[in-house]
Protein backbone atom coordinates (compact mmCIF):
# COMPACT_ATOMS: atom_id res chain seq x y z
CA MET A 1 66.81 -8.51 -46.08
CA SER A 2 64.03 -9.85 -43.85
CA LYS A 3 61.12 -7.89 -45.35
CA PRO A 4 59.78 -9.99 -48.25
CA ILE A 5 59.68 -8.41 -51.69
CA TYR A 6 57.26 -10.15 -54.03
CA ILE A 7 57.22 -10.44 -57.81
CA VAL A 8 53.63 -10.05 -58.96
CA ASP A 9 54.06 -10.11 -62.73
CA GLY A 10 56.48 -9.31 -65.52
CA ALA A 11 56.71 -8.70 -69.23
CA ARG A 12 59.27 -8.00 -71.89
CA THR A 13 59.47 -7.10 -75.54
CA PRO A 14 60.81 -9.46 -78.16
CA PHE A 15 64.56 -9.01 -78.35
CA LEU A 16 65.29 -7.63 -81.82
CA LYS A 17 68.69 -8.15 -83.38
CA ALA A 18 70.54 -5.05 -84.54
CA ARG A 19 71.15 -5.21 -88.27
CA ASN A 20 73.77 -2.50 -88.87
CA ARG A 21 71.20 0.28 -88.86
CA PRO A 22 68.85 1.93 -86.36
CA GLY A 23 66.10 -0.44 -85.28
CA PRO A 24 62.40 0.38 -85.55
CA PHE A 25 62.01 1.33 -81.89
CA ALA A 26 63.75 3.79 -79.61
CA ALA A 27 64.57 2.60 -76.11
CA SER A 28 61.67 4.56 -74.64
CA ASP A 29 59.31 2.99 -77.19
CA LEU A 30 60.39 -0.50 -76.13
CA ALA A 31 60.03 0.18 -72.42
CA THR A 32 56.74 2.02 -72.84
CA ASP A 33 55.09 -0.70 -74.93
CA ALA A 34 56.12 -3.54 -72.61
CA GLY A 35 55.29 -1.59 -69.46
CA ARG A 36 51.94 -0.36 -70.70
CA ALA A 37 50.84 -3.90 -71.59
CA LEU A 38 51.96 -5.15 -68.18
CA LEU A 39 50.10 -2.40 -66.34
CA LEU A 40 46.91 -2.83 -68.34
CA ARG A 41 46.42 -6.32 -66.96
CA GLN A 42 46.72 -5.22 -63.31
CA PRO A 43 43.81 -4.45 -60.96
CA PHE A 44 45.25 -1.04 -60.11
CA ALA A 45 45.87 2.15 -62.07
CA PRO A 46 49.37 3.16 -63.27
CA THR A 47 49.03 6.19 -61.01
CA ASP A 48 48.93 3.84 -57.99
CA LEU A 49 52.60 2.96 -58.44
CA ASP A 50 55.00 4.41 -55.90
CA GLU A 51 57.98 4.45 -58.25
CA VAL A 52 59.20 3.50 -61.71
CA ILE A 53 62.87 2.50 -61.87
CA LEU A 54 64.48 1.70 -65.21
CA GLY A 55 67.97 0.46 -65.91
CA CYS A 56 69.60 1.68 -69.12
CA ALA A 57 73.24 1.57 -70.13
CA ALA A 58 73.04 3.68 -73.27
CA PRO A 59 70.11 6.12 -73.28
CA SER A 60 69.97 8.48 -76.22
CA VAL A 61 70.49 12.19 -75.69
CA ASP A 62 66.77 12.88 -76.15
CA GLU A 63 65.82 10.34 -73.48
CA VAL A 64 67.77 11.68 -70.52
CA ASN A 65 66.39 10.10 -67.33
CA ILE A 66 64.57 7.60 -69.49
CA GLY A 67 62.87 6.15 -66.41
CA ARG A 68 60.88 9.36 -65.97
CA VAL A 69 60.19 9.66 -69.71
CA VAL A 70 58.74 6.16 -69.83
CA ALA A 71 56.75 6.57 -66.60
CA LEU A 72 54.99 9.58 -68.07
CA ARG A 73 54.39 7.85 -71.41
CA MET A 74 52.88 4.83 -69.62
CA GLY A 75 50.30 7.05 -67.94
CA CYS A 76 51.72 6.99 -64.43
CA GLY A 77 50.95 10.67 -64.01
CA HIS A 78 52.97 13.57 -62.75
CA LYS A 79 53.16 12.38 -59.13
CA VAL A 80 54.85 8.98 -59.64
CA PRO A 81 58.64 9.40 -59.52
CA GLY A 82 60.56 7.83 -62.37
CA TRP A 83 64.31 7.44 -62.38
CA THR A 84 67.14 5.69 -64.13
CA VAL A 85 69.98 3.47 -62.90
CA MET A 86 73.10 2.29 -64.68
CA ARG A 87 75.34 -0.61 -63.72
CA ASN A 88 76.36 -1.50 -67.27
CA CYS A 89 75.25 -5.06 -68.15
CA ALA A 90 73.35 -5.40 -64.86
CA SER A 91 71.36 -2.17 -65.09
CA GLY A 92 68.05 -4.06 -65.17
CA MET A 93 69.05 -6.10 -62.13
CA GLN A 94 70.20 -2.93 -60.39
CA ALA A 95 66.73 -1.45 -60.95
CA LEU A 96 65.25 -4.42 -59.09
CA ASP A 97 67.78 -4.06 -56.29
CA SER A 98 67.12 -0.33 -56.00
CA ALA A 99 63.40 -1.01 -55.81
CA MET A 100 64.00 -3.51 -53.02
CA ASP A 101 65.94 -0.89 -51.06
CA SER A 102 63.07 1.59 -51.33
CA MET A 103 60.53 -1.04 -50.35
CA ARG A 104 62.45 -2.39 -47.37
CA THR A 105 62.81 1.09 -45.91
CA GLY A 106 59.08 1.69 -46.31
CA ARG A 107 59.42 4.48 -48.88
CA SER A 108 57.59 2.42 -51.52
CA HIS A 109 55.25 -0.56 -51.63
CA LEU A 110 54.44 -1.01 -55.34
CA VAL A 111 57.25 -0.50 -57.85
CA LEU A 112 57.68 -1.17 -61.55
CA ALA A 113 61.35 -1.94 -62.18
CA GLY A 114 63.24 -3.20 -65.21
CA GLY A 115 65.69 -2.39 -67.94
CA VAL A 116 65.99 -1.38 -71.57
CA ASP A 117 68.48 -0.61 -74.32
CA ALA A 118 68.22 0.00 -78.04
CA LEU A 119 71.79 -0.79 -78.98
CA SER A 120 71.06 -0.57 -82.70
CA ARG A 121 70.68 3.16 -82.11
CA ALA A 122 74.06 3.67 -80.48
CA PRO A 123 75.42 6.80 -82.16
CA LEU A 124 78.15 7.32 -84.69
CA LEU A 125 80.38 10.12 -83.40
CA PHE A 126 82.74 12.67 -84.89
CA SER A 127 86.39 12.30 -84.00
CA ASP A 128 88.03 14.91 -81.78
CA ALA A 129 89.87 16.22 -84.85
CA MET A 130 86.59 16.79 -86.69
CA VAL A 131 84.94 18.41 -83.67
CA THR A 132 87.92 20.76 -83.27
CA TRP A 133 87.82 21.64 -86.96
CA LEU A 134 84.09 22.39 -86.78
CA ALA A 135 84.57 24.51 -83.65
CA ASN A 136 87.22 26.57 -85.46
CA TRP A 137 85.00 26.82 -88.54
CA TYR A 138 82.05 28.23 -86.60
CA ALA A 139 84.34 30.57 -84.71
CA ALA A 140 85.92 31.93 -87.89
CA LYS A 141 84.65 35.42 -88.70
CA SER A 142 86.27 36.08 -92.07
CA LEU A 143 86.30 34.40 -95.47
CA GLY A 144 90.09 34.31 -95.30
CA ARG A 145 90.06 32.36 -92.05
CA ARG A 146 87.51 29.91 -93.40
CA ALA A 147 89.53 29.45 -96.57
CA ALA A 148 92.57 28.61 -94.44
CA LEU A 149 90.55 26.06 -92.50
CA LEU A 150 89.31 24.46 -95.71
CA ALA A 151 92.91 24.00 -96.78
CA LYS A 152 93.68 22.21 -93.52
CA PHE A 153 90.66 19.89 -93.68
CA ARG A 154 91.51 16.20 -94.13
CA PRO A 155 88.99 13.62 -95.40
CA ASN A 156 89.91 11.24 -92.58
CA TYR A 157 88.31 13.71 -90.17
CA LEU A 158 84.98 12.32 -91.42
CA ALA A 159 85.73 8.75 -90.33
CA PRO A 160 83.03 7.96 -87.76
CA VAL A 161 83.76 6.83 -84.23
CA ILE A 162 81.47 3.88 -83.46
CA GLY A 163 79.85 4.69 -80.15
CA LEU A 164 78.96 1.07 -79.42
CA MET A 165 82.57 -0.08 -79.75
CA LYS A 166 83.71 2.64 -77.36
CA GLY A 167 80.99 1.61 -74.92
CA LEU A 168 82.09 -2.03 -75.08
CA THR A 169 85.71 -1.13 -74.40
CA ASP A 170 86.84 -0.98 -70.78
CA PRO A 171 88.43 2.45 -70.30
CA VAL A 172 90.70 1.29 -67.47
CA VAL A 173 92.30 -1.81 -68.98
CA GLY A 174 91.67 -0.82 -72.61
CA LEU A 175 90.10 -4.15 -73.59
CA LEU A 176 86.94 -4.88 -75.52
CA MET A 177 84.57 -7.14 -73.61
CA GLY A 178 85.33 -9.90 -76.09
CA GLN A 179 89.02 -9.62 -75.30
CA THR A 180 88.27 -10.22 -71.63
CA ALA A 181 86.47 -13.39 -72.73
CA GLU A 182 89.62 -14.43 -74.58
CA ASN A 183 91.51 -13.97 -71.30
CA LEU A 184 89.15 -16.40 -69.56
CA ALA A 185 89.34 -18.93 -72.36
CA TYR A 186 93.13 -18.93 -72.06
CA ARG A 187 93.07 -19.06 -68.26
CA PHE A 188 90.75 -22.07 -68.07
CA GLY A 189 91.81 -23.84 -71.27
CA ILE A 190 88.47 -23.48 -73.02
CA SER A 191 88.70 -24.54 -76.66
CA ARG A 192 87.06 -23.06 -79.73
CA ALA A 193 85.07 -26.30 -80.16
CA GLU A 194 83.69 -26.01 -76.62
CA MET A 195 82.63 -22.41 -77.22
CA ASP A 196 80.91 -23.22 -80.50
CA SER A 197 79.20 -26.26 -79.00
CA TYR A 198 77.82 -24.17 -76.15
CA ALA A 199 76.66 -21.45 -78.58
CA ALA A 200 74.91 -24.00 -80.77
CA GLN A 201 73.16 -25.40 -77.71
CA SER A 202 71.90 -21.92 -76.82
CA HIS A 203 70.30 -21.54 -80.24
CA ALA A 204 68.83 -25.05 -80.12
CA ARG A 205 67.33 -24.43 -76.71
CA VAL A 206 65.78 -21.12 -77.73
CA LEU A 207 64.27 -22.73 -80.83
CA ALA A 208 62.82 -25.53 -78.71
CA ALA A 209 61.49 -23.05 -76.17
CA GLN A 210 59.82 -21.02 -78.91
CA ARG A 211 58.16 -24.13 -80.33
CA ASP A 212 56.94 -25.13 -76.86
CA GLY A 213 55.66 -21.64 -76.01
CA HIS A 214 58.02 -21.04 -73.10
CA PHE A 215 58.45 -17.36 -73.95
CA ALA A 216 54.81 -16.63 -74.78
CA LYS A 217 53.98 -15.82 -71.18
CA GLU A 218 56.54 -13.03 -70.94
CA ILE A 219 56.68 -11.48 -74.41
CA VAL A 220 54.54 -8.51 -75.47
CA PRO A 221 54.52 -8.27 -79.30
CA LEU A 222 55.60 -4.97 -80.82
CA ILE A 223 53.98 -3.12 -83.72
CA ASP A 224 55.93 -0.50 -85.65
CA ARG A 225 54.53 2.59 -87.36
CA THR A 226 53.88 0.70 -90.60
CA GLY A 227 51.78 -1.90 -88.79
CA TYR A 228 54.42 -4.63 -88.96
CA VAL A 229 54.24 -6.99 -85.99
CA TYR A 230 57.29 -8.30 -84.13
CA PRO A 231 55.94 -11.28 -82.20
CA ALA A 232 59.11 -13.05 -81.07
CA ASP A 233 62.86 -12.82 -80.50
CA ASP A 234 64.41 -12.69 -83.95
CA GLY A 235 68.13 -13.32 -83.43
CA VAL A 236 67.97 -17.11 -83.07
CA ARG A 237 69.18 -19.16 -86.04
CA GLU A 238 68.43 -22.74 -86.97
CA ASP A 239 71.72 -22.96 -88.87
CA SER A 240 73.84 -22.13 -85.81
CA THR A 241 75.33 -25.60 -85.56
CA PRO A 242 78.83 -26.41 -84.30
CA ALA A 243 79.94 -27.09 -87.87
CA ASN A 244 78.67 -23.76 -89.18
CA LEU A 245 79.91 -21.79 -86.19
CA ALA A 246 83.37 -23.28 -86.68
CA LYS A 247 83.59 -21.48 -90.04
CA LEU A 248 83.50 -18.02 -88.44
CA LYS A 249 86.72 -16.09 -87.92
CA PRO A 250 87.77 -14.77 -84.50
CA PHE A 251 86.61 -11.21 -84.02
CA PHE A 252 88.41 -9.81 -80.98
CA ASP A 253 91.84 -11.44 -81.41
CA ARG A 254 92.04 -12.18 -85.10
CA LYS A 255 95.41 -13.92 -84.95
CA TYR A 256 95.28 -16.12 -81.85
CA GLY A 257 91.71 -15.85 -80.56
CA ASN A 258 88.69 -18.13 -80.50
CA VAL A 259 85.86 -15.76 -79.57
CA THR A 260 83.70 -15.07 -82.62
CA ALA A 261 80.48 -13.24 -83.35
CA GLY A 262 78.81 -16.65 -83.33
CA ASN A 263 79.82 -17.66 -79.80
CA SER A 264 79.17 -14.18 -78.38
CA SER A 265 75.92 -12.49 -77.39
CA GLN A 266 74.19 -10.47 -80.07
CA VAL A 267 73.82 -6.70 -80.26
CA THR A 268 70.12 -6.30 -79.60
CA ASP A 269 67.22 -3.99 -78.72
CA GLY A 270 64.79 -4.92 -75.95
CA ALA A 271 63.09 -4.11 -72.64
CA ALA A 272 61.99 -6.13 -69.61
CA TRP A 273 59.91 -5.21 -66.55
CA LEU A 274 58.93 -6.79 -63.24
CA LEU A 275 56.20 -5.58 -60.91
CA LEU A 276 57.36 -5.71 -57.28
CA ALA A 277 55.16 -5.44 -54.20
CA THR A 278 55.41 -5.59 -50.42
CA GLU A 279 52.95 -7.54 -48.29
CA GLU A 280 51.08 -4.30 -47.68
CA ALA A 281 50.63 -3.73 -51.42
CA LEU A 282 49.55 -7.32 -51.97
CA ALA A 283 46.79 -6.92 -49.40
CA HIS A 284 45.74 -3.43 -50.47
CA PHE A 285 45.41 -4.23 -54.19
CA HIS A 286 44.43 -7.91 -53.79
CA LEU A 287 47.48 -9.09 -55.75
CA THR A 288 48.66 -12.68 -56.05
CA PRO A 289 52.46 -13.03 -56.12
CA LYS A 290 54.34 -15.41 -58.39
CA GLY A 291 57.56 -15.33 -56.44
CA ARG A 292 59.81 -13.31 -54.21
CA ILE A 293 63.34 -11.99 -54.36
CA VAL A 294 65.03 -13.47 -51.31
CA ASP A 295 68.45 -11.87 -51.53
CA SER A 296 70.91 -10.15 -53.86
CA GLN A 297 74.67 -9.71 -54.04
CA TRP A 298 77.12 -7.49 -55.90
CA ALA A 299 80.81 -8.21 -56.34
CA ALA A 300 83.85 -6.73 -58.04
CA LEU A 301 86.99 -8.14 -59.64
CA ASP A 302 89.74 -7.40 -62.14
CA PRO A 303 88.11 -5.75 -65.20
CA ALA A 304 90.30 -7.88 -67.46
CA GLN A 305 88.55 -10.96 -65.99
CA MET A 306 85.08 -9.42 -65.88
CA GLY A 307 83.26 -12.52 -67.15
CA LEU A 308 83.84 -14.27 -63.81
CA GLY A 309 81.56 -11.75 -62.10
CA PRO A 310 78.80 -14.35 -61.49
CA VAL A 311 81.26 -16.55 -59.59
CA TYR A 312 82.20 -13.75 -57.19
CA ALA A 313 78.57 -12.67 -56.67
CA VAL A 314 76.84 -16.06 -56.46
CA THR A 315 79.24 -17.67 -53.99
CA PRO A 316 78.71 -15.29 -51.04
CA LEU A 317 74.99 -15.21 -51.84
CA MET A 318 74.79 -18.99 -51.43
CA THR A 319 77.01 -18.99 -48.35
CA ARG A 320 74.91 -16.32 -46.60
CA ASN A 321 71.74 -18.30 -47.27
CA ASN A 322 73.27 -21.68 -46.30
CA LEU A 323 72.70 -23.15 -49.76
CA ASP A 324 74.44 -25.88 -51.70
CA LEU A 325 74.28 -26.40 -55.46
CA ALA A 326 71.73 -29.15 -54.93
CA ASP A 327 69.37 -26.63 -53.32
CA ILE A 328 69.06 -24.60 -56.54
CA ASP A 329 66.42 -25.84 -58.98
CA ALA A 330 67.18 -23.50 -61.88
CA TRP A 331 69.94 -21.14 -62.96
CA GLU A 332 70.07 -18.22 -65.36
CA ILE A 333 73.61 -17.03 -66.07
CA ASN A 334 73.64 -14.34 -68.72
CA GLU A 335 75.50 -15.50 -71.82
CA ALA A 336 77.71 -12.54 -72.65
CA PHE A 337 80.09 -15.01 -74.27
CA ALA A 338 80.20 -18.79 -74.40
CA ALA A 339 83.75 -18.61 -73.04
CA GLN A 340 82.53 -16.54 -70.10
CA VAL A 341 79.80 -18.96 -69.01
CA LEU A 342 82.12 -21.94 -69.45
CA ALA A 343 84.80 -20.16 -67.43
CA CYS A 344 82.37 -19.60 -64.56
CA LEU A 345 81.49 -23.29 -64.54
CA ALA A 346 85.17 -24.22 -64.66
CA ALA A 347 86.05 -21.85 -61.82
CA TRP A 348 83.46 -23.41 -59.52
CA GLN A 349 84.98 -26.83 -60.24
CA ASP A 350 88.56 -25.72 -59.58
CA ASP A 351 89.83 -26.48 -56.05
CA ALA A 352 92.64 -23.94 -56.15
CA PHE A 353 90.46 -21.16 -57.55
CA CYS A 354 87.71 -21.71 -54.99
CA ARG A 355 90.22 -21.76 -52.13
CA ASP A 356 92.35 -18.82 -53.24
CA GLU A 357 89.70 -16.56 -54.77
CA LEU A 358 86.49 -17.45 -52.95
CA GLY A 359 87.69 -18.58 -49.53
CA LEU A 360 86.02 -21.97 -49.85
CA PRO A 361 87.54 -25.22 -48.54
CA GLY A 362 87.53 -26.63 -52.07
CA ALA A 363 85.61 -26.70 -55.32
CA LEU A 364 81.98 -25.60 -55.11
CA GLY A 365 80.97 -28.30 -57.56
CA VAL A 366 79.14 -28.81 -60.84
CA ILE A 367 76.00 -27.03 -61.97
CA GLU A 368 73.86 -29.56 -63.80
CA ASP A 369 73.44 -28.76 -67.48
CA ALA A 370 69.73 -29.56 -67.20
CA LYS A 371 69.32 -26.71 -64.70
CA LEU A 372 71.34 -24.00 -66.48
CA ASN A 373 69.78 -21.68 -69.07
CA VAL A 374 67.29 -24.40 -69.99
CA ASP A 375 65.67 -22.22 -72.66
CA GLY A 376 68.90 -20.80 -74.04
CA GLY A 377 70.33 -17.38 -73.43
CA ALA A 378 71.82 -14.20 -74.80
CA ILE A 379 73.96 -15.90 -77.44
CA ALA A 380 70.73 -16.76 -79.26
CA LEU A 381 68.33 -14.21 -77.76
CA GLY A 382 70.59 -11.19 -77.67
CA HIS A 383 71.89 -8.94 -74.91
CA PRO A 384 70.29 -5.48 -74.79
CA VAL A 385 72.68 -4.46 -72.06
CA GLY A 386 70.29 -2.55 -69.81
CA ALA A 387 67.51 -5.14 -70.08
CA SER A 388 69.30 -8.47 -69.60
CA GLY A 389 69.53 -8.38 -65.81
CA ALA A 390 65.76 -8.01 -65.54
CA ARG A 391 65.06 -10.56 -68.28
CA ILE A 392 66.96 -13.39 -66.61
CA VAL A 393 65.13 -12.82 -63.30
CA LEU A 394 61.77 -12.81 -65.09
CA HIS A 395 62.54 -15.94 -67.09
CA LEU A 396 64.00 -17.70 -64.06
CA LEU A 397 60.72 -17.26 -62.22
CA ASN A 398 58.73 -18.50 -65.21
CA THR A 399 61.01 -21.54 -65.47
CA LEU A 400 60.51 -22.39 -61.80
CA GLU A 401 56.77 -22.10 -62.24
CA ARG A 402 56.74 -24.30 -65.35
CA GLN A 403 58.99 -26.97 -63.87
CA GLY A 404 57.58 -26.91 -60.35
CA GLY A 405 60.90 -25.79 -58.90
CA GLN A 406 61.21 -23.79 -55.72
CA ARG A 407 64.46 -21.85 -55.76
CA GLY A 408 66.61 -20.27 -58.48
CA ILE A 409 69.58 -17.96 -59.00
CA ALA A 410 70.04 -15.37 -61.74
CA ALA A 411 73.58 -14.05 -62.25
CA ILE A 412 75.28 -11.69 -64.66
CA CYS A 413 78.77 -10.45 -65.45
CA ILE A 414 79.24 -6.70 -65.70
CA GLY A 415 81.60 -4.70 -67.86
CA GLY A 416 84.16 -2.93 -65.69
CA GLY A 417 84.79 -6.00 -63.57
CA GLN A 418 81.68 -6.63 -61.49
CA GLY A 419 79.09 -9.34 -60.97
CA GLY A 420 75.50 -9.44 -59.77
CA ALA A 421 73.24 -12.24 -58.53
CA MET A 422 69.71 -12.65 -57.20
CA LEU A 423 68.14 -15.51 -55.29
CA VAL A 424 64.48 -16.03 -56.22
CA GLU A 425 61.85 -18.32 -54.73
CA ARG A 426 58.56 -19.33 -56.29
CA VAL A 427 55.42 -18.59 -54.32
CA THR A 428 52.66 -21.18 -54.73
CA ALA A 429 48.94 -20.74 -54.17
CA GLY A 430 49.39 -21.94 -50.61
CA GLY A 431 52.02 -19.28 -49.97
CA ALA A 432 55.05 -21.62 -49.83
């Protein structure tokens, strides 16, 4: 990890809340628009890139290898390789990590890496029964055979299978992601009031950040085919107060649960990119870096406890770099669920957990609230699964720059029982 990898610039789309119908932009539209705007402000041509790497958890069937599709649409030319990575919720972070691997081996020096998903366009599927019936129908050669099939047809064959719900269900343990959050809430004694309070804070912080222009630096407005402009993240709500959130019914465990739509991340469409460069690329293209990715870490755990992924990834990352909590100026922990973030904080404060699970002598300690997700997170912004890992790294760097901080950590939990984390340092004009 000794070869420095610099972050030169970054951009993202507004995160657009899914509203029970296909959104105005396909995933490739989102990634293309954000990437094109980012490349247009650089002193090099898109064809000068060595690679384009895009994370995507749910590409549509007409966007296979969406990384290559978007690279071509952005004008990178036929000779710039474009490829796609998938590590579920951390696909955007995986794209950054994959770029770092290519750059540290000398294969690449200038890479555009990021993530995207248009979850509003997750498909509705036919059931196996309907597919089998259709297969028999098309195979039938006689009117008599087709008449017999019509007699066997049942209206419930037409009931759609919601692709998004299948994608959010762990196939090994059979739990929806929200049910794994319920597991953590029970394990660490996190109350419904605590979840709703955290969710309300996320909305309040996003609203404050929008008023203060904290997202303006990273967001590229979108324009749809009718000319309508989408200038900002549109999932945040001023009425998401603890009192109003308390009125919502549990969604994942309707009888005993406390995880609701209001204290969970939103289903969202969005894309985020970062431009990465080696020292050679900085010199060749006369680029000024904003920061550098110092180190990264992946971890795995029980899928039924997947929300603790940041704990298992961050801890060895800090240990390897001889860091204490006090050394970190800003944190971005992706808000899949309020219960999940609160459980991570509780785990780091638990002596027994840190000894038994993390091999530490005792509790790691407390992350200051003033350093964690200072501009809100996915509960208010949304969680386009493939994009979130890149977004939190981009916003972390912008937060460090705005606050004058030096060092930050971005971390994310990953469906399937994994965690990812990145250590980022700001680079000042003097090179520190």
